[in-house]
């Protein structure tokens, strides 16, 4: 998996990649070494498509996030595996876990977003939006404040774009307003 990141990095930065891109790639490789076989990269991309200042931790273990983190066509990842991934990302310095929230530095978010293929970002953003809806009904201590929830939802919606609004499930639930392009 870390070789995938190196290839994506090379594709996105022809010539010599910036030092920051190399540093975060090494951190991702370290997180993958800490948890071999875990969906570390998928969880990092999920964090990158949300507002990194205040992500409700429950988003990562909501059913849509577990399905996204699992192998395609197989069972969803377990809550334990996903939380172990978040912990390995913290140990590698890519995220911080703080009182029921996960935070990711904007520079790490930008690097992940630029290195990840567009379809992966959109899949992660769709999973993030669904996970946010799933945790919205939790008590505030688990789901985060209204501002953090709204900010995460807007960030995921911006990245997912029109794909988020395919069909009308979100409008029927009344959770988010209809998509209006800029």
N, C-alpha and C. Protein backbone atom coordinates (compact mmCIF):
# COMPACT_ATOMS: atom_id res chain seq x y z
N UNK A 1 0.80 -1.20 0.00
CA UNK A 1 0.00 0.00 0.00
C UNK A 1 0.85 1.26 0.00
N UNK A 2 1.95 1.25 0.73
CA UNK A 2 2.77 2.45 0.75
C UNK A 2 3.39 2.70 -0.61
N UNK A 3 3.60 1.65 -1.41
CA UNK A 3 4.11 1.85 -2.76
C UNK A 3 3.08 2.57 -3.61
N UNK A 4 1.77 2.36 -3.33
CA UNK A 4 0.72 3.10 -4.03
C UNK A 4 0.87 4.59 -3.79
N UNK A 5 1.14 4.96 -2.54
CA UNK A 5 1.32 6.37 -2.21
C UNK A 5 2.51 6.96 -2.93
N UNK A 6 3.61 6.21 -2.98
CA UNK A 6 4.80 6.71 -3.67
C UNK A 6 4.51 6.94 -5.15
N UNK A 7 3.78 6.01 -5.77
CA UNK A 7 3.43 6.16 -7.19
C UNK A 7 2.53 7.37 -7.38
N UNK A 8 1.54 7.56 -6.51
CA UNK A 8 0.64 8.70 -6.62
C UNK A 8 1.41 10.00 -6.40
N UNK A 9 2.35 9.98 -5.48
CA UNK A 9 3.16 11.16 -5.21
C UNK A 9 3.98 11.51 -6.44
N UNK A 10 4.57 10.52 -7.07
CA UNK A 10 5.37 10.74 -8.26
C UNK A 10 4.50 11.29 -9.39
N UNK A 11 3.28 10.79 -9.51
CA UNK A 11 2.36 11.29 -10.55
C UNK A 11 1.96 12.73 -10.31
N UNK A 12 1.75 13.10 -9.05
CA UNK A 12 1.27 14.44 -8.73
C UNK A 12 2.38 15.48 -8.65
N UNK A 13 3.61 15.06 -8.47
CA UNK A 13 4.74 15.98 -8.38
C UNK A 13 5.83 15.55 -9.35
N UNK A 14 5.67 15.88 -10.63
CA UNK A 14 6.72 15.50 -11.58
C UNK A 14 8.05 16.14 -11.19
N UNK A 15 9.09 15.42 -11.39
CA UNK A 15 10.39 15.92 -10.97
C UNK A 15 10.63 15.56 -9.52
N UNK A 16 10.94 16.53 -8.73
CA UNK A 16 11.27 16.31 -7.32
C UNK A 16 10.12 16.79 -6.43
N UNK A 17 9.50 15.87 -5.66
CA UNK A 17 8.40 16.29 -4.78
C UNK A 17 8.90 17.18 -3.64
N UNK A 18 8.03 18.06 -3.14
CA UNK A 18 8.41 18.92 -2.01
C UNK A 18 8.72 18.10 -0.76
N UNK A 19 9.53 18.67 0.11
CA UNK A 19 9.93 17.98 1.34
C UNK A 19 8.72 17.60 2.19
N UNK A 20 7.72 18.47 2.26
CA UNK A 20 6.53 18.16 3.07
C UNK A 20 5.83 16.92 2.54
N UNK A 21 5.77 16.77 1.22
CA UNK A 21 5.11 15.59 0.63
C UNK A 21 5.88 14.33 0.98
N UNK A 22 7.18 14.42 0.98
CA UNK A 22 8.00 13.26 1.35
C UNK A 22 7.80 12.92 2.82
N UNK A 23 7.77 13.94 3.67
CA UNK A 23 7.61 13.72 5.12
C UNK A 23 6.30 13.04 5.45
N UNK A 24 5.20 13.53 4.89
CA UNK A 24 3.92 12.91 5.23
C UNK A 24 3.84 11.50 4.64
N UNK A 25 4.47 11.27 3.48
CA UNK A 25 4.48 9.92 2.91
C UNK A 25 5.22 8.96 3.84
N UNK A 26 6.33 9.41 4.39
CA UNK A 26 7.07 8.57 5.35
C UNK A 26 6.24 8.31 6.60
N UNK A 27 5.48 9.31 7.04
CA UNK A 27 4.60 9.12 8.21
C UNK A 27 3.51 8.10 7.91
N UNK A 28 2.96 8.14 6.70
CA UNK A 28 1.94 7.16 6.32
C UNK A 28 2.56 5.76 6.28
N UNK A 29 3.75 5.65 5.74
CA UNK A 29 4.43 4.36 5.72
C UNK A 29 4.65 3.84 7.14
N UNK A 30 5.01 4.73 8.05
CA UNK A 30 5.21 4.33 9.45
C UNK A 30 3.89 3.86 10.05
N UNK A 31 2.81 4.58 9.80
CA UNK A 31 1.50 4.17 10.31
C UNK A 31 1.11 2.79 9.76
N UNK A 32 1.41 2.55 8.50
CA UNK A 32 1.12 1.24 7.89
C UNK A 32 1.98 0.14 8.52
N UNK A 33 3.22 0.47 8.86
CA UNK A 33 4.08 -0.51 9.53
C UNK A 33 3.57 -0.83 10.93
N UNK A 34 3.01 0.17 11.60
CA UNK A 34 2.47 -0.04 12.94
C UNK A 34 1.25 -0.96 12.91
N UNK A 35 0.54 -0.98 11.80
CA UNK A 35 -0.67 -1.79 11.69
C UNK A 35 -0.72 -2.43 10.31
N UNK A 36 0.13 -3.41 10.06
CA UNK A 36 0.16 -4.03 8.74
C UNK A 36 -1.19 -4.68 8.41
N UNK A 37 -1.62 -4.46 7.20
CA UNK A 37 -2.88 -5.07 6.76
C UNK A 37 -4.12 -4.29 7.14
N UNK A 38 -3.97 -3.25 7.96
CA UNK A 38 -5.13 -2.45 8.35
C UNK A 38 -5.43 -1.40 7.30
N UNK A 39 -6.65 -0.90 7.28
CA UNK A 39 -7.04 0.11 6.27
C UNK A 39 -6.55 1.52 6.63
N UNK A 40 -5.27 1.64 6.92
CA UNK A 40 -4.70 2.90 7.39
C UNK A 40 -4.89 4.02 6.35
N UNK A 41 -4.55 3.74 5.10
CA UNK A 41 -4.68 4.78 4.08
C UNK A 41 -6.12 5.21 3.89
N UNK A 42 -7.04 4.25 3.90
CA UNK A 42 -8.46 4.59 3.73
C UNK A 42 -8.93 5.50 4.86
N UNK A 43 -8.49 5.23 6.07
CA UNK A 43 -8.90 6.04 7.22
C UNK A 43 -8.26 7.42 7.14
N UNK A 44 -7.02 7.49 6.67
CA UNK A 44 -6.38 8.80 6.51
C UNK A 44 -7.13 9.64 5.47
N UNK A 45 -7.53 9.02 4.38
CA UNK A 45 -8.28 9.75 3.35
C UNK A 45 -9.64 10.19 3.91
N UNK A 46 -10.27 9.33 4.70
CA UNK A 46 -11.55 9.70 5.33
C UNK A 46 -11.36 10.95 6.20
N UNK A 47 -10.30 10.98 6.98
CA UNK A 47 -10.03 12.17 7.81
C UNK A 47 -9.75 13.40 6.95
N UNK A 48 -9.12 13.19 5.81
CA UNK A 48 -8.75 14.31 4.94
C UNK A 48 -9.94 14.96 4.25
N UNK A 49 -11.06 14.24 4.16
CA UNK A 49 -12.23 14.82 3.48
C UNK A 49 -13.21 15.48 4.46
N UNK A 50 -12.83 15.55 5.72
CA UNK A 50 -13.65 16.20 6.74
C UNK A 50 -12.94 17.46 7.22
N UNK A 51 -13.62 18.25 8.03
CA UNK A 51 -12.98 19.43 8.60
C UNK A 51 -12.02 18.96 9.68
N UNK A 52 -10.73 19.09 9.42
CA UNK A 52 -9.72 18.53 10.30
C UNK A 52 -9.58 19.17 11.66
N UNK A 53 -10.26 20.28 11.90
CA UNK A 53 -10.14 20.94 13.20
C UNK A 53 -10.92 20.23 14.30
N UNK A 54 -11.99 19.52 13.92
CA UNK A 54 -12.86 18.96 14.95
C UNK A 54 -13.72 17.86 14.34
N UNK A 55 -13.16 16.67 14.14
CA UNK A 55 -13.92 15.55 13.58
C UNK A 55 -14.45 14.71 14.73
N UNK A 56 -15.77 14.54 14.83
CA UNK A 56 -16.29 13.66 15.89
C UNK A 56 -15.71 12.25 15.72
N UNK A 57 -15.10 11.72 16.76
CA UNK A 57 -14.45 10.40 16.67
C UNK A 57 -15.43 9.32 16.26
N UNK A 58 -16.69 9.47 16.63
CA UNK A 58 -17.70 8.45 16.30
C UNK A 58 -17.88 8.28 14.79
N UNK A 59 -17.49 9.28 14.00
CA UNK A 59 -17.60 9.17 12.54
C UNK A 59 -16.78 7.98 12.03
N UNK A 60 -15.63 7.75 12.62
CA UNK A 60 -14.72 6.70 12.13
C UNK A 60 -15.26 5.29 12.37
N UNK A 61 -16.12 5.13 13.37
CA UNK A 61 -16.65 3.80 13.68
C UNK A 61 -18.13 3.66 13.33
N UNK A 62 -18.68 4.65 12.64
CA UNK A 62 -20.06 4.53 12.15
C UNK A 62 -20.09 3.51 11.01
N UNK A 63 -21.22 2.84 10.84
CA UNK A 63 -21.34 1.78 9.83
C UNK A 63 -20.86 2.20 8.43
N UNK A 64 -21.24 3.38 7.92
CA UNK A 64 -20.76 3.75 6.58
C UNK A 64 -19.23 3.85 6.50
N UNK A 65 -18.59 4.31 7.56
CA UNK A 65 -17.13 4.39 7.56
C UNK A 65 -16.51 2.99 7.61
N UNK A 66 -17.14 2.09 8.37
CA UNK A 66 -16.64 0.72 8.45
C UNK A 66 -16.77 0.01 7.09
N UNK A 67 -17.87 0.26 6.40
CA UNK A 67 -18.06 -0.33 5.07
C UNK A 67 -17.02 0.21 4.10
N UNK A 68 -16.81 1.52 4.12
CA UNK A 68 -15.81 2.15 3.26
C UNK A 68 -14.40 1.60 3.54
N UNK A 69 -14.07 1.42 4.80
CA UNK A 69 -12.72 0.96 5.19
C UNK A 69 -12.49 -0.51 4.90
N UNK A 70 -13.57 -1.29 4.78
CA UNK A 70 -13.42 -2.72 4.48
C UNK A 70 -12.98 -2.94 3.04
N UNK A 71 -12.57 -4.14 2.76
CA UNK A 71 -12.19 -4.49 1.39
C UNK A 71 -13.43 -4.48 0.51
N UNK A 72 -13.36 -3.90 -0.69
CA UNK A 72 -14.52 -3.88 -1.58
C UNK A 72 -15.06 -5.29 -1.83
N UNK A 73 -16.38 -5.42 -1.71
CA UNK A 73 -17.01 -6.72 -1.95
C UNK A 73 -16.92 -7.68 -0.78
N UNK A 74 -16.31 -7.26 0.30
CA UNK A 74 -16.18 -8.11 1.48
C UNK A 74 -16.88 -7.48 2.66
N UNK A 75 -16.66 -8.05 3.82
CA UNK A 75 -17.27 -7.52 5.04
C UNK A 75 -16.66 -6.16 5.40
N UNK A 76 -17.47 -5.35 6.09
CA UNK A 76 -16.92 -4.07 6.57
C UNK A 76 -15.78 -4.32 7.56
N UNK A 77 -14.96 -3.31 7.72
CA UNK A 77 -13.91 -3.38 8.74
C UNK A 77 -14.57 -3.36 10.12
N UNK A 78 -13.87 -3.85 11.11
CA UNK A 78 -14.43 -3.83 12.47
C UNK A 78 -14.11 -2.49 13.12
N UNK A 79 -14.90 -2.14 14.13
CA UNK A 79 -14.65 -0.90 14.88
C UNK A 79 -13.24 -0.93 15.47
N UNK A 80 -12.84 -2.09 15.99
CA UNK A 80 -11.51 -2.22 16.61
C UNK A 80 -10.41 -1.97 15.58
N UNK A 81 -10.56 -2.55 14.37
CA UNK A 81 -9.53 -2.35 13.34
C UNK A 81 -9.44 -0.88 12.92
N UNK A 82 -10.60 -0.25 12.74
CA UNK A 82 -10.60 1.14 12.32
C UNK A 82 -10.01 2.04 13.40
N UNK A 83 -10.39 1.79 14.66
CA UNK A 83 -9.84 2.63 15.72
C UNK A 83 -8.34 2.37 15.89
N UNK A 84 -7.90 1.15 15.65
CA UNK A 84 -6.46 0.86 15.67
C UNK A 84 -5.75 1.64 14.57
N UNK A 85 -6.40 1.82 13.42
CA UNK A 85 -5.84 2.63 12.34
C UNK A 85 -5.72 4.09 12.76
N UNK A 86 -6.77 4.62 13.37
CA UNK A 86 -6.73 6.01 13.84
C UNK A 86 -5.59 6.16 14.85
N UNK A 87 -5.45 5.20 15.73
CA UNK A 87 -4.37 5.25 16.73
C UNK A 87 -2.99 5.18 16.08
N UNK A 88 -2.84 4.34 15.05
CA UNK A 88 -1.54 4.26 14.38
C UNK A 88 -1.24 5.56 13.63
N UNK A 89 -2.28 6.20 13.08
CA UNK A 89 -2.08 7.50 12.44
C UNK A 89 -1.65 8.55 13.46
N UNK A 90 -2.19 8.44 14.68
CA UNK A 90 -1.77 9.36 15.73
C UNK A 90 -0.31 9.10 16.13
N UNK A 91 0.05 7.83 16.27
CA UNK A 91 1.43 7.49 16.64
C UNK A 91 2.42 7.97 15.59
N UNK A 92 1.98 7.99 14.32
CA UNK A 92 2.85 8.44 13.24
C UNK A 92 2.82 9.97 13.07
N UNK A 93 2.03 10.65 13.89
CA UNK A 93 1.99 12.11 13.85
C UNK A 93 1.10 12.70 12.78
N UNK A 94 0.20 11.90 12.22
CA UNK A 94 -0.66 12.40 11.14
C UNK A 94 -2.00 12.94 11.63
N UNK A 95 -2.47 12.46 12.76
CA UNK A 95 -3.70 12.98 13.38
C UNK A 95 -3.46 13.11 14.88
N UNK A 96 -4.38 13.83 15.54
CA UNK A 96 -4.37 13.91 17.00
C UNK A 96 -5.75 13.49 17.49
N UNK A 97 -5.77 12.72 18.56
CA UNK A 97 -7.02 12.31 19.19
C UNK A 97 -7.13 13.14 20.47
N UNK A 98 -8.27 13.83 20.61
CA UNK A 98 -8.43 14.74 21.74
C UNK A 98 -9.88 14.76 22.20
N UNK A 99 -10.17 14.15 23.33
CA UNK A 99 -11.50 14.19 23.96
C UNK A 99 -12.65 13.94 22.99
N UNK A 100 -12.68 12.80 22.38
CA UNK A 100 -13.79 12.45 21.51
C UNK A 100 -13.74 13.06 20.13
N UNK A 101 -12.63 13.67 19.79
CA UNK A 101 -12.47 14.23 18.45
C UNK A 101 -11.14 13.78 17.86
N UNK A 102 -11.08 13.85 16.55
CA UNK A 102 -9.85 13.57 15.82
C UNK A 102 -9.53 14.83 15.03
N UNK A 103 -8.28 15.21 15.07
CA UNK A 103 -7.85 16.42 14.35
C UNK A 103 -6.74 16.04 13.37
N UNK A 104 -6.76 16.69 12.22
CA UNK A 104 -5.71 16.48 11.23
C UNK A 104 -5.24 17.84 10.74
N UNK A 105 -3.95 18.03 10.67
CA UNK A 105 -3.38 19.31 10.28
C UNK A 105 -3.76 19.63 8.83
N UNK A 106 -4.08 20.90 8.54
CA UNK A 106 -4.45 21.27 7.18
C UNK A 106 -3.39 20.94 6.13
N UNK A 107 -2.12 21.00 6.50
CA UNK A 107 -1.08 20.67 5.52
C UNK A 107 -1.08 19.17 5.19
N UNK A 108 -1.39 18.33 6.18
CA UNK A 108 -1.50 16.89 5.93
C UNK A 108 -2.74 16.64 5.07
N UNK A 109 -3.84 17.31 5.39
CA UNK A 109 -5.06 17.17 4.58
C UNK A 109 -4.78 17.52 3.13
N UNK A 110 -4.12 18.64 2.91
CA UNK A 110 -3.83 19.09 1.55
C UNK A 110 -2.96 18.08 0.81
N UNK A 111 -1.96 17.54 1.50
CA UNK A 111 -1.08 16.56 0.87
C UNK A 111 -1.84 15.29 0.51
N UNK A 112 -2.70 14.82 1.42
CA UNK A 112 -3.48 13.61 1.17
C UNK A 112 -4.44 13.85 0.01
N UNK A 113 -5.11 14.99 0.03
CA UNK A 113 -6.07 15.29 -1.04
C UNK A 113 -5.39 15.40 -2.40
N UNK A 114 -4.19 15.93 -2.43
CA UNK A 114 -3.51 16.06 -3.72
C UNK A 114 -2.94 14.73 -4.21
N UNK A 115 -2.61 13.83 -3.30
CA UNK A 115 -2.03 12.55 -3.70
C UNK A 115 -3.08 11.48 -3.99
N UNK A 116 -4.24 11.60 -3.38
CA UNK A 116 -5.28 10.57 -3.55
C UNK A 116 -5.99 10.74 -4.90
N UNK A 117 -6.29 9.63 -5.56
CA UNK A 117 -7.05 9.73 -6.81
C UNK A 117 -8.43 10.32 -6.55
N UNK A 118 -8.96 11.02 -7.53
CA UNK A 118 -10.25 11.70 -7.38
C UNK A 118 -11.36 10.74 -6.97
N UNK A 119 -11.40 9.55 -7.57
CA UNK A 119 -12.48 8.60 -7.24
C UNK A 119 -12.39 8.14 -5.79
N UNK A 120 -11.18 7.99 -5.26
CA UNK A 120 -11.02 7.61 -3.85
C UNK A 120 -11.50 8.74 -2.94
N UNK A 121 -11.15 9.98 -3.28
CA UNK A 121 -11.61 11.12 -2.49
C UNK A 121 -13.14 11.20 -2.49
N UNK A 122 -13.75 10.98 -3.64
CA UNK A 122 -15.21 11.04 -3.72
C UNK A 122 -15.85 9.91 -2.91
N UNK A 123 -15.30 8.69 -3.02
CA UNK A 123 -15.83 7.57 -2.22
C UNK A 123 -15.69 7.86 -0.72
N UNK A 124 -14.55 8.40 -0.33
CA UNK A 124 -14.33 8.74 1.08
C UNK A 124 -15.30 9.83 1.52
N UNK A 125 -15.51 10.83 0.68
CA UNK A 125 -16.42 11.92 1.03
C UNK A 125 -17.87 11.42 1.14
N UNK A 126 -18.26 10.52 0.25
CA UNK A 126 -19.61 9.94 0.35
C UNK A 126 -19.75 9.13 1.64
N UNK A 127 -18.74 8.33 1.96
CA UNK A 127 -18.77 7.55 3.21
C UNK A 127 -18.79 8.48 4.41
N UNK A 128 -18.01 9.56 4.35
CA UNK A 128 -17.97 10.51 5.45
C UNK A 128 -19.33 11.18 5.65
N UNK A 129 -19.97 11.56 4.56
CA UNK A 129 -21.30 12.18 4.66
C UNK A 129 -22.31 11.22 5.28
N UNK A 130 -22.27 9.97 4.84
CA UNK A 130 -23.18 8.97 5.41
C UNK A 130 -22.87 8.71 6.88
N UNK A 131 -21.58 8.67 7.21
CA UNK A 131 -21.19 8.45 8.61
C UNK A 131 -21.62 9.62 9.48
N UNK A 132 -21.51 10.83 8.97
CA UNK A 132 -21.97 12.00 9.71
C UNK A 132 -23.46 11.91 9.99
N UNK A 133 -24.23 11.47 9.00
CA UNK A 133 -25.67 11.30 9.22
C UNK A 133 -25.93 10.24 10.28
N UNK A 134 -25.13 9.18 10.25
CA UNK A 134 -25.31 8.09 11.21
C UNK A 134 -25.04 8.54 12.64
N UNK A 135 -24.05 9.41 12.83
CA UNK A 135 -23.70 9.83 14.19
C UNK A 135 -24.49 11.06 14.62
N UNK A 136 -25.21 11.67 13.72
CA UNK A 136 -25.93 12.91 14.04
C UNK A 136 -26.95 12.70 15.16
N UNK A 137 -27.50 11.49 15.25
CA UNK A 137 -28.51 11.24 16.28
C UNK A 137 -27.91 10.90 17.65
N UNK A 138 -26.58 10.79 17.73
CA UNK A 138 -25.94 10.49 19.01
C UNK A 138 -25.98 11.71 19.92
N UNK A 139 -25.84 11.49 21.23
CA UNK A 139 -25.76 12.64 22.14
C UNK A 139 -24.59 13.55 21.73
N UNK A 140 -24.69 14.82 22.03
CA UNK A 140 -23.68 15.79 21.59
C UNK A 140 -22.26 15.39 21.99
N UNK A 141 -22.10 14.74 23.13
CA UNK A 141 -20.76 14.35 23.57
C UNK A 141 -20.13 13.35 22.62
N UNK A 142 -20.96 12.57 21.90
CA UNK A 142 -20.42 11.59 20.96
C UNK A 142 -20.38 12.13 19.53
N UNK A 143 -21.35 12.92 19.14
CA UNK A 143 -21.45 13.38 17.76
C UNK A 143 -20.69 14.67 17.51
N UNK A 144 -20.28 15.37 18.52
CA UNK A 144 -19.60 16.64 18.34
C UNK A 144 -20.59 17.78 18.40
N UNK A 145 -20.09 18.98 18.40
CA UNK A 145 -20.97 20.14 18.44
C UNK A 145 -21.63 20.33 17.09
N UNK A 146 -22.70 21.10 17.07
CA UNK A 146 -23.37 21.39 15.81
C UNK A 146 -22.42 22.04 14.81
N UNK A 147 -21.57 22.95 15.29
CA UNK A 147 -20.63 23.61 14.39
C UNK A 147 -19.64 22.64 13.78
N UNK A 148 -19.11 21.72 14.58
CA UNK A 148 -18.14 20.76 14.03
C UNK A 148 -18.82 19.81 13.05
N UNK A 149 -20.01 19.37 13.40
CA UNK A 149 -20.75 18.47 12.51
C UNK A 149 -21.02 19.16 11.18
N UNK A 150 -21.53 20.39 11.25
CA UNK A 150 -21.87 21.15 10.05
C UNK A 150 -20.62 21.41 9.21
N UNK A 151 -19.53 21.77 9.84
CA UNK A 151 -18.29 22.04 9.12
C UNK A 151 -17.76 20.78 8.43
N UNK A 152 -17.82 19.66 9.12
CA UNK A 152 -17.41 18.39 8.50
C UNK A 152 -18.31 18.04 7.31
N UNK A 153 -19.63 18.25 7.49
CA UNK A 153 -20.58 17.94 6.42
C UNK A 153 -20.33 18.82 5.20
N UNK A 154 -20.07 20.08 5.41
CA UNK A 154 -19.82 20.99 4.29
C UNK A 154 -18.52 20.64 3.57
N UNK A 155 -17.50 20.26 4.32
CA UNK A 155 -16.22 19.88 3.70
C UNK A 155 -16.40 18.61 2.86
N UNK A 156 -17.08 17.61 3.41
CA UNK A 156 -17.33 16.37 2.66
C UNK A 156 -18.18 16.64 1.43
N UNK A 157 -19.20 17.49 1.56
CA UNK A 157 -20.08 17.81 0.44
C UNK A 157 -19.31 18.52 -0.67
N UNK A 158 -18.41 19.41 -0.30
CA UNK A 158 -17.60 20.13 -1.28
C UNK A 158 -16.72 19.16 -2.08
N UNK A 159 -16.16 18.17 -1.40
CA UNK A 159 -15.28 17.22 -2.09
C UNK A 159 -16.08 16.22 -2.92
N UNK A 160 -17.20 15.73 -2.39
CA UNK A 160 -18.02 14.75 -3.12
C UNK A 160 -18.70 15.39 -4.31
N UNK A 161 -19.02 16.67 -4.22
CA UNK A 161 -19.68 17.36 -5.32
C UNK A 161 -21.04 16.76 -5.64
N UNK A 162 -21.43 16.79 -6.90
CA UNK A 162 -22.75 16.32 -7.30
C UNK A 162 -23.04 14.85 -6.98
N UNK A 163 -22.00 14.03 -6.86
CA UNK A 163 -22.23 12.61 -6.54
C UNK A 163 -22.96 12.44 -5.21
N UNK A 164 -22.75 13.37 -4.30
CA UNK A 164 -23.42 13.29 -3.00
C UNK A 164 -24.93 13.40 -3.16
N UNK A 165 -25.34 14.11 -4.18
CA UNK A 165 -26.76 14.41 -4.34
C UNK A 165 -27.44 13.49 -5.35
N UNK A 166 -26.74 12.47 -5.83
CA UNK A 166 -27.37 11.51 -6.75
C UNK A 166 -28.55 10.87 -6.02
N UNK A 167 -29.69 10.85 -6.65
CA UNK A 167 -30.88 10.37 -5.97
C UNK A 167 -31.38 11.46 -5.04
N UNK A 168 -32.29 11.13 -4.16
CA UNK A 168 -32.81 12.17 -3.27
C UNK A 168 -32.86 11.73 -1.81
N UNK A 169 -32.07 10.73 -1.46
CA UNK A 169 -32.10 10.20 -0.09
C UNK A 169 -31.76 11.27 0.95
N UNK A 170 -30.77 12.11 0.68
CA UNK A 170 -30.37 13.11 1.67
C UNK A 170 -31.42 14.20 1.81
N UNK A 171 -32.03 14.60 0.70
CA UNK A 171 -33.09 15.62 0.79
C UNK A 171 -34.30 15.08 1.55
N UNK A 172 -34.64 13.79 1.32
CA UNK A 172 -35.78 13.20 2.02
C UNK A 172 -35.54 13.14 3.51
N UNK A 173 -34.29 12.89 3.89
CA UNK A 173 -33.98 12.83 5.32
C UNK A 173 -33.93 14.22 5.93
N UNK A 174 -33.87 15.24 5.09
CA UNK A 174 -33.83 16.61 5.59
C UNK A 174 -32.53 16.94 6.29
N UNK A 175 -31.50 16.15 6.05
CA UNK A 175 -30.25 16.34 6.77
C UNK A 175 -29.40 17.46 6.20
N UNK A 176 -29.43 17.59 4.88
CA UNK A 176 -28.57 18.58 4.24
C UNK A 176 -29.34 19.22 3.09
N UNK A 177 -29.09 20.47 2.81
CA UNK A 177 -29.80 21.13 1.72
C UNK A 177 -29.38 20.59 0.36
N UNK A 178 -30.18 20.82 -0.63
CA UNK A 178 -29.87 20.37 -1.99
C UNK A 178 -28.59 21.01 -2.48
N UNK A 179 -27.89 20.33 -3.38
CA UNK A 179 -26.63 20.80 -3.92
C UNK A 179 -26.88 21.97 -4.87
N UNK A 180 -26.14 23.03 -4.70
CA UNK A 180 -26.17 24.13 -5.64
C UNK A 180 -24.74 24.44 -6.02
N UNK A 181 -24.39 24.24 -7.31
CA UNK A 181 -22.99 24.48 -7.72
C UNK A 181 -22.61 25.95 -7.53
N UNK A 182 -21.33 26.18 -7.29
CA UNK A 182 -20.84 27.56 -7.09
C UNK A 182 -20.98 28.37 -8.34
